[in-house]
Every structure is written in C-alpha cells, then in structure tokens.
C-alpha cells in the first residue's frame, strides 16, 4: 500500500514538473539570435561613480572615426548590458557598422533604472543610485577616450531603460541630443519625481498597443496584475503631448500610417505622429499596432509572456533614423 502511494506521489510530481516545464518553454523560452559578422570590437569595462564600480560594454566599429556619434542603449528591469544587446538582435551593432557610430551598453547595478517614477528598486548595497550622474559621467569618459562628438550623444532603452531615457530627456537635455524610449511612458503627476526644465531634448516614444506591462492607454504597470508593479503611468499619447508642450511646439503634427508584413506571414503595421518646432526640436510617437512589450526587430522573438512579438518594423533602424535627423 505504501509503495502504491509513493508511486502515485512521484507520478503526480513528474506530471507537475512536465506541466511547469511545458509552460516555461511556451511562455518564457526563446532561442538566442544568431551572432552576426561584425567588423569591430566588443569589450567590457568599469567606471567609478559615487564610490561604486559600475559596469558597461562597448561596441566600436573597425573604422570608427574621431567625432563620431555615440548611442547609449539601456536594458530592462533585472537585466544587464549584455542582455539588451542580445534582445535587440545585435541591431545597434549592425547599424553602427553601417553608419559609423559607437554603442555603449551600461548596466544599471540596481534592479531598475532610477527614472522619473517614485516606484521601483533603485538601490545598490542600500544606496539609491544616481543614474543621471552615472550616464553623464560615462558619456564624458567615452568622449575623452574615444573622441566621440559631445554634441551627438544619444540614449535609448527598453522598458525600465526606456523610462530612464525619458529622465535623461528631462534632466540632462544639454548632454543628450535626443532620446528614444521603447515600451515606456511617463509617470502620472503623483508618481513623478523629476525636476522639470524649461524644455527637453528631442524625444521618440515607441510603444505597442498590446503591451501587457506598459499599457498604451496608461495605468499601473504590472504583469498579469502580479509582477513588477512600477506605479501608475500616463498613456503614450499623454506622454508625447507632455514633451510637445514642454518644448512649446505649436505646429500641426504629421501622421503617417504604414502597413507592415511580418516575417511569420501575419499582418501588422505602425503609426508615426511627428511634431516639429521651428528650432528643429522633434517629438515622435511610434505606435506598433498589435505589438507587445519590447523592441520590434527581425532577429529575435520575445517570450510570449510579453505579448505579441512583431518582427517588423526595424525598431533600432527607426531610432537611428530619428537620431540622425537631430
């Protein structure tokens, strides 16, 4: 009798393991993108900021010239610089080879980047990190060491990294020529801690209408109502309007709707609304129709848990096109 109970218990445990394993594979597993043939070098280094050693990784094309632009790419919550490089399908490295700019992938050190939201895990060893100071110091270091153009430093990020890009637009507009935030919106007033300037730098927002975490229509950030509660956010339209008003742009925006055929045969598309000032300050809202949480690109499919994963448009290419116009 005891042996039968034991066998049944073991069988039940095996079934549970099989179920959980299958759910993990279906919702979370996705194969890594293939490493492309790149011309340059990828390296890891550190910098000291406020007594803390901070890590970053750089990709420098082989024939990079002095005075080239620099693009900072920031990861999501709980990740590091290597992971966002992989999850963008090495797309920024590919673009760097094509257009001649440097790429740096910093690691936050804390679980979340210390963005404009009052909610999040911004501490390392009990100390709240100043990521504006870190990213400014990092860009200054790379300008001094590699000769990048100090007037052409750009920042982009996904999720928490996108929230951080928006903070840079608000609090460090003289250092960062333009920013692009993916899967990120601004916090509502009660959740907003950043110091407002008279104007910001140029800003692109790129968000999916089917994002299960950062909702296109705004509201509390969470996954399935359980995980990663990051406070209440404005909608994508409200976030874009914030920067339009901050920069005093009064011209009528231009709306473009572009159908896109996905690699897997499905149909999707995206919309671009662009506001421009007389001083060439630009705010752009890119809406990925039916897109989930993350950067759209053709080389890596995101886990199903993060919603639909369109393989186009080429998000990094749209971002670089936005940066190059500035």
Protein backbone atom coordinates (compact mmCIF):
# COMPACT_ATOMS: atom_id res chain seq x y z
CA UNK A 1 0.00 0.00 0.00
CA UNK A 2 2.81 2.38 0.92
CA UNK A 3 4.61 1.65 -2.36
CA UNK A 4 1.45 2.46 -4.35
CA UNK A 5 1.08 5.81 -2.56
CA UNK A 6 4.74 6.59 -3.18
CA UNK A 7 4.46 5.70 -6.87
CA UNK A 8 1.36 7.83 -7.29
CA UNK A 9 3.02 10.73 -5.49
CA UNK A 10 6.10 10.50 -7.70
CA UNK A 11 3.92 10.24 -10.80
CA UNK A 12 1.95 13.33 -9.76
CA UNK A 13 5.20 15.26 -9.14
CA UNK A 14 6.53 14.26 -12.55
CA UNK A 15 3.30 15.40 -14.17
CA UNK A 16 3.54 18.75 -12.40
CA UNK A 17 7.16 19.15 -13.48
CA UNK A 18 6.18 18.33 -17.04
CA UNK A 19 3.34 20.87 -16.96
CA UNK A 20 5.52 23.61 -15.47
CA UNK A 21 8.33 22.78 -17.88
CA UNK A 22 5.96 22.99 -20.84
CA UNK A 23 4.54 26.31 -19.61
CA UNK A 24 8.07 27.67 -19.16
CA UNK A 25 9.05 26.68 -22.69
CA UNK A 26 5.85 28.07 -24.19
CA UNK A 27 5.69 31.40 -22.34
CA UNK A 28 9.33 32.20 -21.47
CA UNK A 29 11.81 30.34 -23.67
CA UNK A 30 13.05 31.85 -26.88
CA UNK A 31 16.29 30.96 -28.68
CA UNK A 32 19.13 33.47 -28.81
CA UNK A 33 19.64 35.37 -32.06
CA UNK A 34 22.48 34.35 -34.30
CA UNK A 35 25.66 36.38 -33.79
CA UNK A 36 26.23 38.49 -36.93
CA UNK A 37 29.56 39.05 -38.63
CA UNK A 38 30.66 42.40 -37.20
CA UNK A 39 33.69 44.49 -38.11
CA UNK A 40 34.58 45.92 -34.72
CA UNK A 41 35.37 45.00 -31.13
CA UNK A 42 33.10 44.35 -28.16
CA UNK A 43 34.60 44.92 -24.73
CA UNK A 44 33.67 45.24 -21.05
CA UNK A 45 34.93 47.97 -18.71
CA UNK A 46 34.11 49.74 -15.45
CA UNK A 47 33.81 53.28 -14.13
CA UNK A 48 33.73 54.60 -10.55
CA UNK A 49 30.72 56.77 -9.69
CA UNK A 50 29.93 57.81 -6.10
CA UNK A 51 32.30 55.16 -4.76
CA UNK A 52 30.57 52.36 -6.70
CA UNK A 53 32.14 50.38 -9.52
CA UNK A 54 29.77 50.44 -12.49
CA UNK A 55 29.97 48.13 -15.49
CA UNK A 56 29.43 48.89 -19.16
CA UNK A 57 30.10 47.23 -22.50
CA UNK A 58 31.03 48.95 -25.75
CA UNK A 59 30.89 48.08 -29.42
CA UNK A 60 33.25 50.09 -31.62
CA UNK A 61 33.22 49.52 -35.41
CA UNK A 62 36.58 48.85 -37.05
CA UNK A 63 36.84 52.09 -38.99
CA UNK A 64 35.25 54.41 -36.42
CA UNK A 65 36.42 57.99 -36.96
CA UNK A 66 37.01 60.74 -34.41
CA UNK A 67 33.97 62.91 -33.87
CA UNK A 68 31.55 60.01 -34.43
CA UNK A 69 28.16 59.86 -32.64
CA UNK A 70 27.66 57.74 -29.51
CA UNK A 71 24.47 55.77 -28.76
CA UNK A 72 23.73 54.57 -25.21
CA UNK A 73 21.42 51.52 -25.09
CA UNK A 74 19.80 50.68 -21.73
CA UNK A 75 18.35 47.36 -20.61
CA UNK A 76 15.11 46.49 -18.83
CA UNK A 77 14.49 45.63 -15.17
CA UNK A 78 16.73 42.97 -13.66
CA UNK A 79 18.97 42.76 -16.71
CA UNK A 80 22.42 43.96 -17.78
CA UNK A 81 24.11 45.42 -20.83
CA UNK A 82 24.82 42.07 -22.49
CA UNK A 83 21.17 41.07 -22.36
CA UNK A 84 19.81 44.15 -24.11
CA UNK A 85 22.45 43.74 -26.81
CA UNK A 86 21.18 40.21 -27.39
CA UNK A 87 17.48 41.12 -27.12
CA UNK A 88 17.81 43.81 -29.76
CA UNK A 89 19.29 41.17 -32.06
CA UNK A 90 22.66 42.97 -32.15
CA UNK A 91 20.80 45.50 -34.30
CA UNK A 92 22.58 48.57 -32.91
CA UNK A 93 25.95 46.94 -33.59
CA UNK A 94 24.87 46.21 -37.16
CA UNK A 95 23.75 49.83 -37.60
CA UNK A 96 26.98 51.07 -36.03
CA UNK A 97 28.96 49.20 -38.69
CA UNK A 98 26.75 50.66 -41.41
CA UNK A 99 26.60 54.29 -40.26
CA UNK A 100 29.79 54.75 -38.22
CA UNK A 101 28.81 55.35 -34.59
CA UNK A 102 29.78 53.82 -31.26
CA UNK A 103 27.44 51.87 -28.98
CA UNK A 104 27.64 51.52 -25.20
CA UNK A 105 25.52 49.12 -23.13
CA UNK A 106 25.66 50.21 -19.46
CA UNK A 107 24.42 48.03 -16.58
CA UNK A 108 22.18 49.74 -14.02
CA UNK A 109 23.57 47.93 -10.96
CA UNK A 110 20.15 48.13 -9.30
CA UNK A 111 17.10 46.13 -10.41
CA UNK A 112 15.51 49.19 -12.07
CA UNK A 113 16.99 52.30 -13.60
CA UNK A 114 16.31 55.31 -11.34
CA UNK A 115 13.81 57.00 -13.65
CA UNK A 116 11.19 59.70 -13.02
CA UNK A 117 8.89 57.29 -11.19
CA UNK A 118 8.71 57.23 -7.39
CA UNK A 119 8.19 53.44 -7.51
CA UNK A 120 10.99 50.96 -8.18
CA UNK A 121 14.13 49.26 -6.86
CA UNK A 122 16.87 51.85 -7.39
CA UNK A 123 19.33 50.75 -4.68
CA UNK A 124 22.70 49.02 -4.64
CA UNK A 125 24.02 47.93 -1.24
CA UNK A 126 21.39 50.11 0.44
CA UNK A 127 22.33 53.24 -1.54
CA UNK A 128 19.98 54.80 -4.08
CA UNK A 129 21.88 55.17 -7.33
CA UNK A 130 22.11 58.40 -9.31
CA UNK A 131 21.82 57.08 -12.84
CA UNK A 132 21.74 60.52 -14.45
CA UNK A 133 25.17 61.15 -12.93
CA UNK A 134 26.39 57.69 -13.98
CA UNK A 135 25.29 58.03 -17.60
CA UNK A 136 26.59 61.58 -17.89
CA UNK A 137 29.96 60.55 -16.44
CA UNK A 138 30.07 57.52 -18.73
CA UNK A 139 29.41 59.59 -21.84
CA UNK A 140 32.09 62.10 -20.77
CA UNK A 141 34.57 59.25 -20.23
CA UNK A 142 33.93 57.76 -23.67
CA UNK A 143 34.11 61.18 -25.34
CA UNK A 144 37.54 61.72 -23.73
CA UNK A 145 38.85 58.22 -24.50
CA UNK A 146 37.40 57.56 -27.96
CA UNK A 147 36.87 61.07 -29.34
CA UNK A 148 33.10 60.92 -29.77
CA UNK A 149 31.31 64.16 -30.67
CA UNK A 150 29.99 65.63 -27.40
CA UNK A 151 27.15 67.25 -29.36
CA UNK A 152 25.96 63.91 -30.76
CA UNK A 153 25.37 61.67 -27.74
CA UNK A 154 22.05 59.79 -27.89
CA UNK A 155 20.26 57.48 -25.45
CA UNK A 156 17.68 54.77 -25.92
CA UNK A 157 16.30 51.97 -23.80
CA UNK A 158 13.59 49.34 -23.45
CA UNK A 159 11.12 49.16 -20.54
CA UNK A 160 12.98 50.41 -17.44
CA UNK A 161 15.76 51.57 -19.78
CA UNK A 162 13.15 53.49 -21.76
CA UNK A 163 11.88 55.15 -18.58
CA UNK A 164 15.48 56.18 -17.86
CA UNK A 165 15.85 57.62 -21.36
CA UNK A 166 12.86 59.87 -20.63
CA UNK A 167 14.52 61.06 -17.42
CA UNK A 168 17.64 61.98 -19.39
CA UNK A 169 15.48 63.99 -21.79
CA UNK A 170 14.08 65.96 -18.87
CA UNK A 171 17.10 66.32 -16.57
CA UNK A 172 20.12 66.19 -18.91
CA UNK A 173 18.98 67.75 -22.21
CA UNK A 174 22.30 69.52 -22.77
CA UNK A 175 24.23 66.24 -22.65
CA UNK A 176 21.90 64.02 -24.73
CA UNK A 177 20.95 65.35 -28.16
CA UNK A 178 17.90 63.07 -28.45
CA UNK A 179 16.43 60.04 -26.70
CA UNK A 180 14.17 57.16 -27.73
CA UNK A 181 12.07 55.27 -25.19
CA UNK A 182 10.66 51.85 -26.08
CA UNK A 183 7.85 50.23 -24.03
CA UNK A 184 7.88 53.21 -21.66
CA UNK A 185 5.62 56.12 -20.72
CA UNK A 186 5.95 58.98 -18.26
CA UNK A 187 4.62 58.60 -14.69
CA UNK A 188 1.43 60.44 -13.72
CA UNK A 189 1.86 63.61 -11.64
CA UNK A 190 1.55 61.85 -8.26
CA UNK A 191 4.23 59.36 -9.33
CA UNK A 192 6.58 61.91 -10.95
CA UNK A 193 9.77 62.95 -9.13
CA UNK A 194 11.91 64.55 -11.86
CA UNK A 195 12.82 68.24 -11.89
CA UNK A 196 11.25 69.95 -14.90
CA UNK A 197 13.41 72.22 -17.09
CA UNK A 198 12.19 74.92 -19.46
CA UNK A 199 12.47 72.45 -22.35
CA UNK A 200 13.70 68.94 -23.09
CA UNK A 201 15.73 67.35 -25.82
CA UNK A 202 14.09 65.66 -28.84
CA UNK A 203 12.11 62.55 -27.84
CA UNK A 204 10.79 59.45 -29.56
CA UNK A 205 8.33 57.11 -27.83
CA UNK A 206 7.79 53.63 -29.34
CA UNK A 207 5.02 51.56 -27.74
CA UNK A 208 2.84 48.59 -28.65
CA UNK A 209 -0.94 48.61 -28.40
CA UNK A 210 -0.92 45.06 -26.92
CA UNK A 211 1.79 45.62 -24.30
CA UNK A 212 0.74 43.65 -21.15
CA UNK A 213 3.08 45.62 -18.84
CA UNK A 214 3.32 49.24 -20.00
CA UNK A 215 -0.18 49.82 -21.26
CA UNK A 216 -0.60 52.03 -24.29
CA UNK A 217 -3.62 53.66 -22.67
CA UNK A 218 -1.77 54.23 -19.39
CA UNK A 219 -2.44 52.88 -15.91
CA UNK A 220 -0.48 50.79 -13.43
CA UNK A 221 2.49 48.85 -14.72
CA UNK A 222 2.30 45.18 -13.85
CA UNK A 223 2.45 41.75 -15.47
CA UNK A 224 -0.75 39.70 -15.01
CA UNK A 225 -1.59 42.07 -12.17
CA UNK A 226 1.03 40.36 -10.02
CA UNK A 227 4.62 41.05 -11.02
CA UNK A 228 6.68 44.22 -11.45
CA UNK A 229 4.36 46.84 -10.05
CA UNK A 230 6.02 50.06 -11.18
CA UNK A 231 3.44 52.70 -10.37
CA UNK A 232 0.84 54.47 -12.48
CA UNK A 233 1.85 55.85 -15.89
CA UNK A 234 0.35 58.28 -18.39
CA UNK A 235 -0.79 56.98 -21.74
CA UNK A 236 1.55 57.03 -24.73
CA UNK A 237 -0.39 59.94 -26.24
CA UNK A 238 -0.25 61.89 -22.97
CA UNK A 239 3.48 61.22 -22.64
CA UNK A 240 4.13 62.54 -26.14
CA UNK A 241 1.92 65.57 -25.50
CA UNK A 242 3.92 66.31 -22.34
CA UNK A 243 7.09 66.78 -24.38
CA UNK A 244 5.27 68.70 -27.12
CA UNK A 245 4.00 71.21 -24.56
CA UNK A 246 7.31 71.31 -22.66
CA UNK A 247 9.10 72.27 -25.87
CA UNK A 248 6.45 74.79 -26.90
CA UNK A 249 5.71 73.07 -30.23
CA UNK A 250 2.58 74.54 -31.77
CA UNK A 251 2.80 73.27 -35.35
CA UNK A 252 0.29 70.69 -36.54
CA UNK A 253 1.75 67.17 -36.25
CA UNK A 254 2.22 64.88 -39.23
CA UNK A 255 0.52 61.45 -39.07
CA UNK A 256 1.82 58.51 -41.11
CA UNK A 257 0.29 55.03 -41.10
CA UNK A 258 2.48 52.28 -42.51
CA UNK A 259 1.32 48.70 -43.13
CA UNK A 260 3.93 46.06 -42.38
CA UNK A 261 4.07 42.41 -43.43
CA UNK A 262 5.58 40.36 -40.64
CA UNK A 263 8.22 37.69 -41.24
CA UNK A 264 5.90 34.94 -39.98
CA UNK A 265 3.26 35.92 -42.52
CA UNK A 266 0.98 37.83 -40.19
CA UNK A 267 -0.08 41.38 -40.94
CA UNK A 268 0.58 44.36 -38.72
CA UNK A 269 1.61 47.96 -39.06
CA UNK A 270 2.67 51.07 -37.22
CA UNK A 271 1.77 54.72 -36.97
CA UNK A 272 4.05 57.71 -36.58
CA UNK A 273 2.92 61.08 -35.27
CA UNK A 274 5.65 63.71 -35.51
CA UNK A 275 5.72 67.20 -34.01
CA UNK A 276 8.49 69.62 -35.06
CA UNK A 277 9.40 73.06 -33.79
CA UNK A 278 10.97 75.90 -35.73
CA UNK A 279 14.19 75.15 -33.85
CA UNK A 280 14.18 71.56 -35.21
CA UNK A 281 13.13 70.14 -31.84
CA UNK A 282 11.21 66.96 -32.53
CA UNK A 283 8.76 64.73 -30.66
CA UNK A 284 7.65 61.49 -32.28
CA UNK A 285 5.18 58.82 -31.13
CA UNK A 286 5.57 55.47 -32.88
CA UNK A 287 2.68 53.10 -32.19
CA UNK A 288 3.29 49.43 -33.01
CA UNK A 289 -0.18 48.15 -33.89
CA UNK A 290 -0.71 44.83 -32.10
CA UNK A 291 2.80 44.92 -30.61
CA UNK A 292 3.71 43.69 -27.14
CA UNK A 293 6.45 44.64 -24.68
CA UNK A 294 9.89 45.14 -26.19
CA UNK A 295 11.82 46.34 -29.23
CA UNK A 296 10.43 45.23 -32.61
CA UNK A 297 13.17 43.84 -34.85
CA UNK A 298 13.67 40.88 -37.16
CA UNK A 299 16.41 38.91 -35.39
CA UNK A 300 14.95 37.87 -32.03
CA UNK A 301 11.42 36.88 -30.95
CA UNK A 302 10.46 37.90 -27.43
CA UNK A 303 8.88 35.49 -24.91
CA UNK A 304 5.11 35.01 -25.34
CA UNK A 305 4.58 36.25 -21.79
CA UNK A 306 5.46 39.76 -23.01
CA UNK A 307 2.70 39.81 -25.60
CA UNK A 308 2.86 39.72 -29.43
CA UNK A 309 6.38 39.97 -30.84
CA UNK A 310 6.28 41.61 -34.28
CA UNK A 311 9.50 41.13 -36.25
CA UNK A 312 8.99 44.44 -38.02
CA UNK A 313 9.29 47.36 -38.28
CA UNK A 314 13.01 47.51 -37.55
CA UNK A 315 12.84 49.45 -34.28
CA UNK A 316 16.58 50.16 -33.96
CA UNK A 317 16.67 51.45 -37.56
CA UNK A 318 13.73 53.79 -36.86
CA UNK A 319 15.52 55.02 -33.74
CA UNK A 320 18.78 55.66 -35.57
CA UNK A 321 16.88 57.49 -38.34
CA UNK A 322 15.31 59.69 -35.63
CA UNK A 323 18.71 60.32 -34.01
CA UNK A 324 20.42 61.09 -37.32
CA UNK A 325 17.82 63.77 -38.12
CA UNK A 326 18.81 65.64 -34.98
